[in-house]
Structure formats: structure tokens, C-alpha cells
Amino acid sequence: MLQPILWFLLAALHALPAFALFRPSNLTSLYGITPDNPLFLLMQHRAALFLAVFLACLWAAFDPSSRRLAVVVTAVSMIAFIVLYFAKGSPPALKQIAMADLIGVPVLALAAWLAFRPA
């Protein structure tokens, strides 16, 4: 029962940025980018990628055979952002996002351990 809970937590972490695909005004509130900014399209695409991570986490909650791939997908998303965030000097505007990912790392680590442990 622990594994589905972990995957639901990880899905929840990715829900808000994924939802921005369907409600682009969230991009302005989340990232401060207005629709007239050329980066707005790129951020919408980023929201679509978050939707993929969200769906992978939901799938992993129900299908144990998908958990290893979901670990890889989720880890690439979360760890890459954390590394880039710190490499670029920890921009204050992105601190909340980095903190959310940092909080999610132990959840992901436990999910990864459970997914990859020997049977």
C-alpha cells in the first residue's frame, strides 16, 4: 500500500505545473511569464512534459510493472531541475519550485528503492 501512496504524492507534485497546459494563465502566476513573451510557448510545452510525468506517476500508482520507468522519468525531471537551479545561482524567482522538488526527492528515493529492490 505504501508504493501507490508514494506515486500519488509524486503525481500531486507535478499536477499544478501540468495543469498549466490546460490553463495557460497559470504560467503567469507560476513563472511570471506573460502570453506576449516568446518563452510562453516554451513554458506551455514544458507543461505538456509535466503532464507526461504526472501521468507516469499515476500509472505507476496502479501498475507495478511501470514503476521502474516512472522512476527514471520522474528523476530526470526533478533532479535535472535541482541541478540546473543550483548551477545557475539559485534564482529567487524559482526557489518555490526548487523547494518542491527537493521535498519530493526523498519520496522519489523511497519509490525508486522499492521499484528496484531485488524481489
PDB file of N, CA and C in Angstrom:
ATOM      1  N   MET A   1       0.817  -1.213   0.000  1.00  0.00           N
ATOM      2  CA  MET A   1       0.000   0.000   0.000  1.00  0.00           C
ATOM      3  C   MET A   1       0.856   1.270   0.000  1.00  0.00           C
ATOM      4  N   LEU A   2       2.104   1.150   0.465  1.00  0.00           N
ATOM      5  CA  LEU A   2       2.983   2.313   0.519  1.00  0.00           C
ATOM      6  C   LEU A   2       3.319   2.834  -0.880  1.00  0.00           C
ATOM      7  N   GLN A   3       3.579   1.923  -1.806  1.00  0.00           N
ATOM      8  CA  GLN A   3       4.004   2.367  -3.135  1.00  0.00           C
ATOM      9  C   GLN A   3       2.968   3.228  -3.849  1.00  0.00           C
ATOM     10  N   PRO A   4       1.706   2.854  -3.885  1.00  0.00           N
ATOM     11  CA  PRO A   4       0.730   3.753  -4.518  1.00  0.00           C
ATOM     12  C   PRO A   4       0.680   5.137  -3.865  1.00  0.00           C
ATOM     13  N   ILE A   5       0.811   5.182  -2.553  1.00  0.00           N
ATOM     14  CA  ILE A   5       0.795   6.479  -1.860  1.00  0.00           C
ATOM     15  C   ILE A   5       1.963   7.343  -2.310  1.00  0.00           C
ATOM     16  N   LEU A   6       3.149   6.747  -2.402  1.00  0.00           N
ATOM     17  CA  LEU A   6       4.322   7.492  -2.869  1.00  0.00           C
ATOM     18  C   LEU A   6       4.100   8.042  -4.272  1.00  0.00           C
ATOM     19  N   TRP A   7       3.533   7.199  -5.139  1.00  0.00           N
ATOM     20  CA  TRP A   7       3.314   7.639  -6.531  1.00  0.00           C
ATOM     21  C   TRP A   7       2.227   8.703  -6.622  1.00  0.00           C
ATOM     22  N   PHE A   8       1.212   8.616  -5.768  1.00  0.00           N
ATOM     23  CA  PHE A   8       0.194   9.674  -5.746  1.00  0.00           C
ATOM     24  C   PHE A   8       0.801  10.993  -5.265  1.00  0.00           C
ATOM     25  N   LEU A   9       1.702  10.927  -4.290  1.00  0.00           N
ATOM     26  CA  LEU A   9       2.375  12.149  -3.819  1.00  0.00           C
ATOM     27  C   LEU A   9       3.215  12.770  -4.937  1.00  0.00           C
ATOM     28  N   LEU A  10       3.940  11.930  -5.659  1.00  0.00           N
ATOM     29  CA  LEU A  10       4.753  12.437  -6.767  1.00  0.00           C
ATOM     30  C   LEU A  10       3.877  12.994  -7.892  1.00  0.00           C
ATOM     31  N   ALA A  11       2.751  12.344  -8.151  1.00  0.00           N
ATOM     32  CA  ALA A  11       1.820  12.866  -9.165  1.00  0.00           C
ATOM     33  C   ALA A  11       1.288  14.225  -8.722  1.00  0.00           C
ATOM     34  N   ALA A  12       0.944  14.348  -7.451  1.00  0.00           N
ATOM     35  CA  ALA A  12       0.417  15.617  -6.936  1.00  0.00           C
ATOM     36  C   ALA A  12       1.442  16.736  -7.080  1.00  0.00           C
ATOM     37  N   LEU A  13       2.703  16.413  -6.866  1.00  0.00           N
ATOM     38  CA  LEU A  13       3.773  17.401  -7.001  1.00  0.00           C
ATOM     39  C   LEU A  13       3.845  17.964  -8.420  1.00  0.00           C
ATOM     40  N   HIS A  14       3.513  17.122  -9.388  1.00  0.00           N
ATOM     41  CA  HIS A  14       3.590  17.539 -10.794  1.00  0.00           C
ATOM     42  C   HIS A  14       2.255  18.015 -11.368  1.00  0.00           C
ATOM     43  N   ALA A  15       1.205  17.953 -10.587  1.00  0.00           N
ATOM     44  CA  ALA A  15      -0.131  18.301 -11.095  1.00  0.00           C
ATOM     45  C   ALA A  15      -0.262  19.775 -11.453  1.00  0.00           C
ATOM     46  N   LEU A  16       0.171  20.669 -10.575  1.00  0.00           N
ATOM     47  CA  LEU A  16      -0.007  22.103 -10.827  1.00  0.00           C
ATOM     48  C   LEU A  16       0.724  22.566 -12.082  1.00  0.00           C
ATOM     49  N   PRO A  17       2.012  22.234 -12.242  1.00  0.00           N
ATOM     50  CA  PRO A  17       2.654  22.651 -13.496  1.00  0.00           C
ATOM     51  C   PRO A  17       2.060  21.965 -14.730  1.00  0.00           C
ATOM     52  N   ALA A  18       1.557  20.754 -14.577  1.00  0.00           N
ATOM     53  CA  ALA A  18       0.914  20.065 -15.718  1.00  0.00           C
ATOM     54  C   ALA A  18      -0.405  20.737 -16.078  1.00  0.00           C
ATOM     55  N   PHE A  19      -1.135  21.170 -15.072  1.00  0.00           N
ATOM     56  CA  PHE A  19      -2.434  21.815 -15.287  1.00  0.00           C
ATOM     57  C   PHE A  19      -2.291  23.104 -16.102  1.00  0.00           C
ATOM     58  N   ALA A  20      -1.105  23.697 -16.073  1.00  0.00           N
ATOM     59  CA  ALA A  20      -0.868  24.930 -16.844  1.00  0.00           C
ATOM     60  C   ALA A  20      -1.033  24.695 -18.345  1.00  0.00           C
ATOM     61  N   LEU A  21      -0.951  23.459 -18.786  1.00  0.00           N
ATOM     62  CA  LEU A  21      -1.193  23.170 -20.208  1.00  0.00           C
ATOM     63  C   LEU A  21      -2.639  23.504 -20.573  1.00  0.00           C
ATOM     64  N   PHE A  22      -3.549  23.236 -19.666  1.00  0.00           N
ATOM     65  CA  PHE A  22      -4.969  23.460 -19.917  1.00  0.00           C
ATOM     66  C   PHE A  22      -5.443  24.834 -19.456  1.00  0.00           C
ATOM     67  N   ARG A  23      -4.659  25.456 -18.608  1.00  0.00           N
ATOM     68  CA  ARG A  23      -4.977  26.801 -18.125  1.00  0.00           C
ATOM     69  C   ARG A  23      -3.697  27.640 -18.198  1.00  0.00           C
ATOM     70  N   PRO A  24      -3.384  28.146 -19.380  1.00  0.00           N
ATOM     71  CA  PRO A  24      -2.123  28.861 -19.583  1.00  0.00           C
ATOM     72  C   PRO A  24      -1.921  30.069 -18.672  1.00  0.00           C
ATOM     73  N   SER A  25      -2.991  30.632 -18.144  1.00  0.00           N
ATOM     74  CA  SER A  25      -2.815  31.767 -17.234  1.00  0.00           C
ATOM     75  C   SER A  25      -2.016  31.366 -15.997  1.00  0.00           C
ATOM     76  N   ASN A  26      -1.999  30.064 -15.686  1.00  0.00           N
ATOM     77  CA  ASN A  26      -1.183  29.606 -14.560  1.00  0.00           C
ATOM     78  C   ASN A  26       0.303  29.833 -14.808  1.00  0.00           C
ATOM     79  N   LEU A  27       0.701  29.874 -16.068  1.00  0.00           N
ATOM     80  CA  LEU A  27       2.106  30.114 -16.381  1.00  0.00           C
ATOM     81  C   LEU A  27       2.548  31.481 -15.883  1.00  0.00           C
ATOM     82  N   THR A  28       1.643  32.447 -15.969  1.00  0.00           N
ATOM     83  CA  THR A  28       1.971  33.783 -15.475  1.00  0.00           C
ATOM     84  C   THR A  28       2.120  33.757 -13.963  1.00  0.00           C
ATOM     85  N   SER A  29       1.197  33.092 -13.267  1.00  0.00           N
ATOM     86  CA  SER A  29       1.286  33.071 -11.807  1.00  0.00           C
ATOM     87  C   SER A  29       2.438  32.193 -11.319  1.00  0.00           C
ATOM     88  N   LEU A  30       2.718  31.103 -12.009  1.00  0.00           N
ATOM     89  CA  LEU A  30       3.800  30.218 -11.588  1.00  0.00           C
ATOM     90  C   LEU A  30       5.183  30.774 -11.918  1.00  0.00           C
ATOM     91  N   TYR A  31       5.330  31.319 -13.112  1.00  0.00           N
ATOM     92  CA  TYR A  31       6.659  31.687 -13.598  1.00  0.00           C
ATOM     93  C   TYR A  31       6.824  33.160 -13.947  1.00  0.00           C
ATOM     94  N   GLY A  32       5.741  33.935 -13.871  1.00  0.00           N
ATOM     95  CA  GLY A  32       5.828  35.357 -14.175  1.00  0.00           C
ATOM     96  C   GLY A  32       6.013  35.660 -15.646  1.00  0.00           C
ATOM     97  N   ILE A  33       5.624  34.749 -16.511  1.00  0.00           N
ATOM     98  CA  ILE A  33       5.767  34.949 -17.957  1.00  0.00           C
ATOM     99  C   ILE A  33       4.401  35.280 -18.539  1.00  0.00           C
ATOM    100  N   THR A  34       4.342  36.362 -19.281  1.00  0.00           N
ATOM    101  CA  THR A  34       3.077  36.795 -19.881  1.00  0.00           C
ATOM    102  C   THR A  34       2.935  36.203 -21.287  1.00  0.00           C
ATOM    103  N   PRO A  35       1.689  36.106 -21.770  1.00  0.00           N
ATOM    104  CA  PRO A  35       1.452  35.490 -23.088  1.00  0.00           C
ATOM    105  C   PRO A  35       2.181  36.170 -24.246  1.00  0.00           C
ATOM    106  N   ASP A  36       2.553  37.431 -24.117  1.00  0.00           N
ATOM    107  CA  ASP A  36       3.257  38.113 -25.210  1.00  0.00           C
ATOM    108  C   ASP A  36       4.755  37.794 -25.229  1.00  0.00           C
ATOM    109  N   ASN A  37       5.241  37.089 -24.221  1.00  0.00           N
ATOM    110  CA  ASN A  37       6.645  36.704 -24.153  1.00  0.00           C
ATOM    111  C   ASN A  37       6.858  35.463 -25.030  1.00  0.00           C
ATOM    112  N   PRO A  38       7.884  35.468 -25.888  1.00  0.00           N
ATOM    113  CA  PRO A  38       8.140  34.305 -26.735  1.00  0.00           C
ATOM    114  C   PRO A  38       8.390  33.014 -25.935  1.00  0.00           C
ATOM    115  N   LEU A  39       8.826  33.142 -24.695  1.00  0.00           N
ATOM    116  CA  LEU A  39       9.062  31.966 -23.862  1.00  0.00           C
ATOM    117  C   LEU A  39       7.770  31.312 -23.376  1.00  0.00           C
ATOM    118  N   PHE A  40       6.650  32.009 -23.545  1.00  0.00           N
ATOM    119  CA  PHE A  40       5.367  31.476 -23.090  1.00  0.00           C
ATOM    120  C   PHE A  40       5.056  30.148 -23.779  1.00  0.00           C
ATOM    121  N   LEU A  41       5.309  30.068 -25.077  1.00  0.00           N
ATOM    122  CA  LEU A  41       5.085  28.833 -25.831  1.00  0.00           C
ATOM    123  C   LEU A  41       5.966  27.710 -25.296  1.00  0.00           C
ATOM    124  N   LEU A  42       7.211  28.027 -25.006  1.00  0.00           N
ATOM    125  CA  LEU A  42       8.124  27.032 -24.463  1.00  0.00           C
ATOM    126  C   LEU A  42       7.634  26.532 -23.099  1.00  0.00           C
ATOM    127  N   MET A  43       7.101  27.425 -22.303  1.00  0.00           N
ATOM    128  CA  MET A  43       6.585  27.038 -20.992  1.00  0.00           C
ATOM    129  C   MET A  43       5.312  26.196 -21.127  1.00  0.00           C
ATOM    130  N   GLN A  44       4.523  26.457 -22.149  1.00  0.00           N
ATOM    131  CA  GLN A  44       3.357  25.603 -22.400  1.00  0.00           C
ATOM    132  C   GLN A  44       3.813  24.192 -22.763  1.00  0.00           C
ATOM    133  N   HIS A  45       4.858  24.113 -23.563  1.00  0.00           N
ATOM    134  CA  HIS A  45       5.413  22.814 -23.911  1.00  0.00           C
ATOM    135  C   HIS A  45       5.953  22.126 -22.657  1.00  0.00           C
ATOM    136  N   ARG A  46       6.579  22.886 -21.790  1.00  0.00           N
ATOM    137  CA  ARG A  46       7.079  22.344 -20.515  1.00  0.00           C
ATOM    138  C   ARG A  46       5.913  21.781 -19.699  1.00  0.00           C
ATOM    139  N   ALA A  47       4.784  22.456 -19.733  1.00  0.00           N
ATOM    140  CA  ALA A  47       3.598  21.968 -19.029  1.00  0.00           C
ATOM    141  C   ALA A  47       3.152  20.617 -19.603  1.00  0.00           C
ATOM    142  N   ALA A  48       3.268  20.463 -20.912  1.00  0.00           N
ATOM    143  CA  ALA A  48       2.913  19.182 -21.533  1.00  0.00           C
ATOM    144  C   ALA A  48       3.858  18.080 -21.055  1.00  0.00           C
ATOM    145  N   LEU A  49       5.124  18.402 -20.898  1.00  0.00           N
ATOM    146  CA  LEU A  49       6.073  17.415 -20.388  1.00  0.00           C
ATOM    147  C   LEU A  49       5.772  17.072 -18.926  1.00  0.00           C
ATOM    148  N   PHE A  50       5.350  18.066 -18.166  1.00  0.00           N
ATOM    149  CA  PHE A  50       4.930  17.792 -16.782  1.00  0.00           C
ATOM    150  C   PHE A  50       3.698  16.902 -16.760  1.00  0.00           C
ATOM    151  N   LEU A  51       2.841  17.061 -17.731  1.00  0.00           N
ATOM    152  CA  LEU A  51       1.680  16.185 -17.827  1.00  0.00           C
ATOM    153  C   LEU A  51       2.137  14.739 -18.042  1.00  0.00           C
ATOM    154  N   ALA A  52       3.167  14.557 -18.846  1.00  0.00           N
ATOM    155  CA  ALA A  52       3.700  13.214 -19.066  1.00  0.00           C
ATOM    156  C   ALA A  52       4.259  12.628 -17.766  1.00  0.00           C
ATOM    157  N   VAL A  53       4.966  13.432 -16.994  1.00  0.00           N
ATOM    158  CA  VAL A  53       5.496  12.965 -15.707  1.00  0.00           C
ATOM    159  C   VAL A  53       4.335  12.654 -14.758  1.00  0.00           C
ATOM    160  N   PHE A  54       3.355  13.536 -14.712  1.00  0.00           N
ATOM    161  CA  PHE A  54       2.170  13.333 -13.881  1.00  0.00           C
ATOM    162  C   PHE A  54       1.492  12.001 -14.224  1.00  0.00           C
ATOM    163  N   LEU A  55       1.279  11.757 -15.511  1.00  0.00           N
ATOM    164  CA  LEU A  55       0.620  10.526 -15.951  1.00  0.00           C
ATOM    165  C   LEU A  55       1.476   9.291 -15.650  1.00  0.00           C
ATOM    166  N   ALA A  56       2.796   9.413 -15.789  1.00  0.00           N
ATOM    167  CA  ALA A  56       3.679   8.291 -15.462  1.00  0.00           C
ATOM    168  C   ALA A  56       3.577   7.943 -13.976  1.00  0.00           C
ATOM    169  N   CYS A  57       3.496   8.962 -13.143  1.00  0.00           N
ATOM    170  CA  CYS A  57       3.360   8.725 -11.703  1.00  0.00           C
ATOM    171  C   CYS A  57       2.011   8.089 -11.372  1.00  0.00           C
ATOM    172  N   LEU A  58       0.955   8.583 -12.002  1.00  0.00           N
ATOM    173  CA  LEU A  58      -0.365   7.973 -11.776  1.00  0.00           C
ATOM    174  C   LEU A  58      -0.371   6.518 -12.238  1.00  0.00           C
ATOM    175  N   TRP A  59       0.196   6.276 -13.389  1.00  0.00           N
ATOM    176  CA  TRP A  59       0.247   4.915 -13.923  1.00  0.00           C
ATOM    177  C   TRP A  59       1.000   4.007 -12.950  1.00  0.00           C
ATOM    178  N   ALA A  60       2.124   4.507 -12.439  1.00  0.00           N
ATOM    179  CA  ALA A  60       2.940   3.722 -11.508  1.00  0.00           C
ATOM    180  C   ALA A  60       2.190   3.412 -10.216  1.00  0.00           C
ATOM    181  N   ALA A  61       1.261   4.281  -9.834  1.00  0.00           N
ATOM    182  CA  ALA A  61       0.476   4.028  -8.625  1.00  0.00           C
ATOM    183  C   ALA A  61      -0.375   2.771  -8.783  1.00  0.00           C
ATOM    184  N   PHE A  62      -0.790   2.477 -10.005  1.00  0.00           N
ATOM    185  CA  PHE A  62      -1.684   1.351 -10.254  1.00  0.00           C
ATOM    186  C   PHE A  62      -1.006   0.140 -10.892  1.00  0.00           C
ATOM    187  N   ASP A  63       0.101   0.358 -11.581  1.00  0.00           N
ATOM    188  CA  ASP A  63       0.747  -0.715 -12.338  1.00  0.00           C
ATOM    189  C   ASP A  63       2.198  -0.905 -11.887  1.00  0.00           C
ATOM    190  N   PRO A  64       2.457  -1.900 -11.050  1.00  0.00           N
ATOM    191  CA  PRO A  64       3.825  -2.112 -10.567  1.00  0.00           C
ATOM    192  C   PRO A  64       4.864  -2.303 -11.675  1.00  0.00           C
ATOM    193  N   SER A  65       4.465  -2.840 -12.818  1.00  0.00           N
ATOM    194  CA  SER A  65       5.437  -3.062 -13.895  1.00  0.00           C
ATOM    195  C   SER A  65       5.922  -1.762 -14.534  1.00  0.00           C
ATOM    196  N   SER A  66       5.248  -0.671 -14.293  1.00  0.00           N
ATOM    197  CA  SER A  66       5.645   0.617 -14.879  1.00  0.00           C
ATOM    198  C   SER A  66       6.507   1.453 -13.937  1.00  0.00           C
ATOM    199  N   ARG A  67       6.720   0.991 -12.735  1.00  0.00           N
ATOM    200  CA  ARG A  67       7.374   1.822 -11.708  1.00  0.00           C
ATOM    201  C   ARG A  67       8.835   2.134 -12.007  1.00  0.00           C
ATOM    202  N   ARG A  68       9.559   1.202 -12.561  1.00  0.00           N
ATOM    203  CA  ARG A  68      10.975   1.487 -12.851  1.00  0.00           C
ATOM    204  C   ARG A  68      11.106   2.599 -13.889  1.00  0.00           C
ATOM    205  N   LEU A  69      10.316   2.515 -14.941  1.00  0.00           N
ATOM    206  CA  LEU A  69      10.352   3.577 -15.949  1.00  0.00           C
ATOM    207  C   LEU A  69       9.874   4.894 -15.354  1.00  0.00           C
ATOM    208  N   ALA A  70       8.853   4.853 -14.516  1.00  0.00           N
ATOM    209  CA  ALA A  70       8.350   6.077 -13.878  1.00  0.00           C
ATOM    210  C   ALA A  70       9.416   6.701 -12.979  1.00  0.00           C
ATOM    211  N   VAL A  71      10.207   5.872 -12.314  1.00  0.00           N
ATOM    212  CA  VAL A  71      11.315   6.401 -11.502  1.00  0.00           C
ATOM    213  C   VAL A  71      12.277   7.184 -12.382  1.00  0.00           C
ATOM    214  N   VAL A  72      12.642   6.603 -13.514  1.00  0.00           N
ATOM    215  CA  VAL A  72      13.605   7.257 -14.412  1.00  0.00           C
ATOM    216  C   VAL A  72      13.044   8.578 -14.930  1.00  0.00           C
ATOM    217  N   VAL A  73      11.818   8.560 -15.424  1.00  0.00           N
ATOM    218  CA  VAL A  73      11.193   9.770 -15.974  1.00  0.00           C
ATOM    219  C   VAL A  73      11.096  10.863 -14.906  1.00  0.00           C
ATOM    220  N   THR A  74      10.620  10.495 -13.739  1.00  0.00           N
ATOM    221  CA  THR A  74      10.424  11.476 -12.662  1.00  0.00           C
ATOM    222  C   THR A  74      11.764  11.989 -12.152  1.00  0.00           C
ATOM    223  N   ALA A  75      12.735  11.098 -12.024  1.00  0.00           N
ATOM    224  CA  ALA A  75      14.051  11.516 -11.544  1.00  0.00           C
ATOM    225  C   ALA A  75      14.726  12.470 -12.518  1.00  0.00           C
ATOM    226  N   VAL A  76      14.634  12.178 -13.803  1.00  0.00           N
ATOM    227  CA  VAL A  76      15.237  13.085 -14.792  1.00  0.00           C
ATOM    228  C   VAL A  76      14.628  14.480 -14.647  1.00  0.00           C
ATOM    229  N   SER A  77      13.324  14.548 -14.527  1.00  0.00           N
ATOM    230  CA  SER A  77      12.651  15.839 -14.398  1.00  0.00           C
ATOM    231  C   SER A  77      13.081  16.574 -13.128  1.00  0.00           C
ATOM    232  N   MET A  78      12.983  15.901 -12.004  1.00  0.00           N
ATOM    233  CA  MET A  78      13.236  16.561 -10.722  1.00  0.00           C
ATOM    234  C   MET A  78      14.717  16.871 -10.498  1.00  0.00           C
ATOM    235  N   ILE A  79      15.566  15.886 -10.713  1.00  0.00           N
ATOM    236  CA  ILE A  79      16.995  16.065 -10.444  1.00  0.00           C
ATOM    237  C   ILE A  79      17.614  17.070 -11.416  1.00  0.00           C
ATOM    238  N   ALA A  80      17.209  17.016 -12.673  1.00  0.00           N
ATOM    239  CA  ALA A  80      17.748  17.974 -13.648  1.00  0.00           C
ATOM    240  C   ALA A  80      17.413  19.399 -13.232  1.00  0.00           C
ATOM    241  N   PHE A  81      16.180  19.626 -12.795  1.00  0.00           N
ATOM    242  CA  PHE A  81      15.835  20.988 -12.396  1.00  0.00           C
ATOM    243  C   PHE A  81      16.630  21.421 -11.177  1.00  0.00           C
ATOM    244  N   ILE A  82      16.764  20.556 -10.199  1.00  0.00           N
ATOM    245  CA  ILE A  82      17.507  20.919  -8.991  1.00  0.00           C
ATOM    246  C   ILE A  82      18.962  21.244  -9.323  1.00  0.00           C
ATOM    247  N   VAL A  83      19.581  20.415 -10.136  1.00  0.00           N
ATOM    248  CA  VAL A  83      20.976  20.656 -10.521  1.00  0.00           C
ATOM    249  C   VAL A  83      21.096  21.976 -11.279  1.00  0.00           C
ATOM    250  N   LEU A  84      20.220  22.195 -12.251  1.00  0.00           N
ATOM    251  CA  LEU A  84      20.268  23.450 -13.011  1.00  0.00           C
ATOM    252  C   LEU A  84      20.001  24.655 -12.124  1.00  0.00           C
ATOM    253  N   TYR A  85      19.060  24.530 -11.212  1.00  0.00           N
ATOM    254  CA  TYR A  85      18.721  25.629 -10.298  1.00  0.00           C
ATOM    255  C   TYR A  85      19.949  26.063  -9.493  1.00  0.00           C
ATOM    256  N   PHE A  86      20.645  25.101  -8.910  1.00  0.00           N
ATOM    257  CA  PHE A  86      21.822  25.453  -8.112  1.00  0.00           C
ATOM    258  C   PHE A  86      22.998  25.883  -8.983  1.00  0.00           C
ATOM    259  N   ALA A  87      23.138  25.285 -10.174  1.00  0.00           N
ATOM    260  CA  ALA A  87      24.222  25.664 -11.084  1.00  0.00           C
ATOM    261  C   ALA A  87      24.072  27.096 -11.582  1.00  0.00           C
ATOM    262  N   LYS A  88      22.845  27.576 -11.653  1.00  0.00           N
ATOM    263  CA  LYS A  88      22.592  28.940 -12.136  1.00  0.00           C
ATOM    264  C   LYS A  88      22.457  29.943 -11.001  1.00  0.00           C
ATOM    265  N   GLY A  89      22.941  29.578  -9.824  1.00  0.00           N
ATOM    266  CA  GLY A  89      22.980  30.543  -8.725  1.00  0.00           C
ATOM    267  C   GLY A  89      21.695  30.650  -7.922  1.00  0.00           C
ATOM    268  N   SER A  90      20.847  29.668  -7.995  1.00  0.00           N
ATOM    269  CA  SER A  90      19.599  29.624  -7.207  1.00  0.00           C
ATOM    270  C   SER A  90      18.735  30.872  -7.399  1.00  0.00           C
ATOM    271  N   PRO A  91      18.219  31.095  -8.600  1.00  0.00           N
ATOM    272  CA  PRO A  91      17.407  32.289  -8.850  1.00  0.00           C
ATOM    273  C   PRO A  91      16.214  32.359  -7.878  1.00  0.00           C
ATOM    274  N   PRO A  92      16.063  33.470  -7.170  1.00  0.00           N
ATOM    275  CA  PRO A  92      14.990  33.595  -6.180  1.00  0.00           C
ATOM    276  C   PRO A  92      13.593  33.355  -6.756  1.00  0.00           C
ATOM    277  N   ALA A  93      13.366  33.725  -8.001  1.00  0.00           N
ATOM    278  CA  ALA A  93      12.042  33.556  -8.603  1.00  0.00           C
ATOM    279  C   ALA A  93      11.659  32.088  -8.742  1.00  0.00           C
ATOM    280  N   LEU A  94      12.638  31.189  -8.716  1.00  0.00           N
ATOM    281  CA  LEU A  94      12.370  29.763  -8.896  1.00  0.00           C
ATOM    282  C   LEU A  94      12.554  28.955  -7.615  1.00  0.00           C
ATOM    283  N   LYS A  95      12.750  29.657  -6.509  1.00  0.00           N
ATOM    284  CA  LYS A  95      13.015  28.978  -5.236  1.00  0.00           C
ATOM    285  C   LYS A  95      11.873  28.044  -4.832  1.00  0.00           C
ATOM    286  N   GLN A  96      10.639  28.474  -4.993  1.00  0.00           N
ATOM    287  CA  GLN A  96       9.490  27.662  -4.586  1.00  0.00           C
ATOM    288  C   GLN A  96       9.447  26.339  -5.371  1.00  0.00           C
ATOM    289  N   ILE A  97       9.771  26.398  -6.637  1.00  0.00           N
ATOM    290  CA  ILE A  97       9.779  25.203  -7.476  1.00  0.00           C
ATOM    291  C   ILE A  97      10.906  24.270  -7.037  1.00  0.00           C
ATOM    292  N   ALA A  98      12.079  24.835  -6.788  1.00  0.00           N
ATOM    293  CA  ALA A  98      13.214  24.031  -6.333  1.00  0.00           C
ATOM    294  C   ALA A  98      12.906  23.380  -4.986  1.00  0.00           C
ATOM    295  N   MET A  99      12.279  24.107  -4.096  1.00  0.00           N
ATOM    296  CA  MET A  99      11.936  23.556  -2.785  1.00  0.00           C
ATOM    297  C   MET A  99      10.943  22.400  -2.923  1.00  0.00           C
ATOM    298  N   ALA A 100       9.973  22.540  -3.800  1.00  0.00           N
ATOM    299  CA  ALA A 100       9.000  21.465  -4.025  1.00  0.00           C
ATOM    300  C   ALA A 100       9.716  20.215  -4.532  1.00  0.00           C
ATOM    301  N   ASP A 101      10.635  20.387  -5.474  1.00  0.00           N
ATOM    302  CA  ASP A 101      11.375  19.235  -5.983  1.00  0.00           C
ATOM    303  C   ASP A 101      12.272  18.638  -4.902  1.00  0.00           C
ATOM    304  N   LEU A 102      12.908  19.480  -4.107  1.00  0.00           N
ATOM    305  CA  LEU A 102      13.758  18.966  -3.029  1.00  0.00           C
ATOM    306  C   LEU A 102      12.954  18.175  -2.006  1.00  0.00           C
ATOM    307  N   ILE A 103      11.758  18.637  -1.709  1.00  0.00           N
ATOM    308  CA  ILE A 103      10.887  17.914  -0.786  1.00  0.00           C
ATOM    309  C   ILE A 103      10.459  16.576  -1.393  1.00  0.00           C
ATOM    310  N   GLY A 104      10.288  16.555  -2.700  1.00  0.00           N
ATOM    311  CA  GLY A 104       9.869  15.337  -3.384  1.00  0.00           C
ATOM    312  C   GLY A 104      10.968  14.304  -3.557  1.00  0.00           C
ATOM    313  N   VAL A 105      12.229  14.703  -3.459  1.00  0.00           N
ATOM    314  CA  VAL A 105      13.333  13.766  -3.691  1.00  0.00           C
ATOM    315  C   VAL A 105      13.316  12.578  -2.722  1.00  0.00           C
ATOM    316  N   PRO A 106      13.119  12.772  -1.419  1.00  0.00           N
ATOM    317  CA  PRO A 106      13.061  11.589  -0.548  1.00  0.00           C
ATOM    318  C   PRO A 106      11.896  10.646  -0.889  1.00  0.00           C
ATOM    319  N   VAL A 107      10.777  11.201  -1.310  1.00  0.00           N
ATOM    320  CA  VAL A 107       9.641  10.381  -1.729  1.00  0.00           C
ATOM    321  C   VAL A 107      10.038   9.570  -2.962  1.00  0.00           C
ATOM    322  N   LEU A 108      10.665  10.232  -3.911  1.00  0.00           N
ATOM    323  CA  LEU A 108      11.131   9.547  -5.118  1.00  0.00           C
ATOM    324  C   LEU A 108      12.196   8.511  -4.783  1.00  0.00           C
ATOM    325  N   ALA A 109      13.095   8.837  -3.873  1.00  0.00           N
ATOM    326  CA  ALA A 109      14.149   7.889  -3.496  1.00  0.00           C
ATOM    327  C   ALA A 109      13.552   6.608  -2.906  1.00  0.00           C
ATOM    328  N   LEU A 110      12.558   6.755  -2.058  1.00  0.00           N
ATOM    329  CA  LEU A 110      11.911   5.577  -1.479  1.00  0.00           C
ATOM    330  C   LEU A 110      11.167   4.789  -2.560  1.00  0.00           C
ATOM    331  N   ALA A 111      10.464   5.495  -3.436  1.00  0.00           N
ATOM    332  CA  ALA A 111       9.769   4.826  -4.540  1.00  0.00           C
ATOM    333  C   ALA A 111      10.773   4.096  -5.436  1.00  0.00           C
ATOM    334  N   ALA A 112      11.928   4.698  -5.670  1.00  0.00           N
ATOM    335  CA  ALA A 112      12.960   4.077  -6.501  1.00  0.00           C
ATOM    336  C   ALA A 112      13.513   2.827  -5.822  1.00  0.00           C
ATOM    337  N   TRP A 113      13.795   2.935  -4.537  1.00  0.00           N
ATOM    338  CA  TRP A 113      14.316   1.780  -3.808  1.00  0.00           C
ATOM    339  C   TRP A 113      13.328   0.624  -3.873  1.00  0.00           C
ATOM    340  N   LEU A 114      12.063   0.913  -3.669  1.00  0.00           N
ATOM    341  CA  LEU A 114      11.036  -0.137  -3.714  1.00  0.00           C
ATOM    342  C   LEU A 114      10.883  -0.726  -5.118  1.00  0.00           C
ATOM    343  N   ALA A 115      11.031   0.117  -6.124  1.00  0.00           N
ATOM    344  CA  ALA A 115      10.869  -0.347  -7.512  1.00  0.00           C
ATOM    345  C   ALA A 115      12.045  -1.199  -7.972  1.00  0.00           C
ATOM    346  N   PHE A 116      13.239  -0.902  -7.503  1.00  0.00           N
ATOM    347  CA  PHE A 116      14.438  -1.575  -7.991  1.00  0.00           C
ATOM    348  C   PHE A 116      15.011  -2.623  -7.037  1.00  0.00           C
ATOM    349  N   ARG A 117      14.418  -2.767  -5.871  1.00  0.00           N
ATOM    350  CA  ARG A 117      14.967  -3.747  -4.928  1.00  0.00           C
ATOM    351  C   ARG A 117      14.766  -5.168  -5.481  1.00  0.00           C
ATOM    352  N   PRO A 118      15.671  -6.051  -5.124  1.00  0.00           N
ATOM    353  CA  PRO A 118      15.501  -7.444  -5.584  1.00  0.00           C
ATOM    354  C   PRO A 118      14.214  -8.062  -5.011  1.00  0.00           C
ATOM    355  N   ALA A 119      13.610  -8.895  -5.788  1.00  0.00           N
ATOM    356  CA  ALA A 119      12.329  -9.499  -5.380  1.00  0.00           C
ATOM    357  C   ALA A 119      12.464 -10.436  -4.253  1.00  0.00           C
TER     358      ALA A 119
END
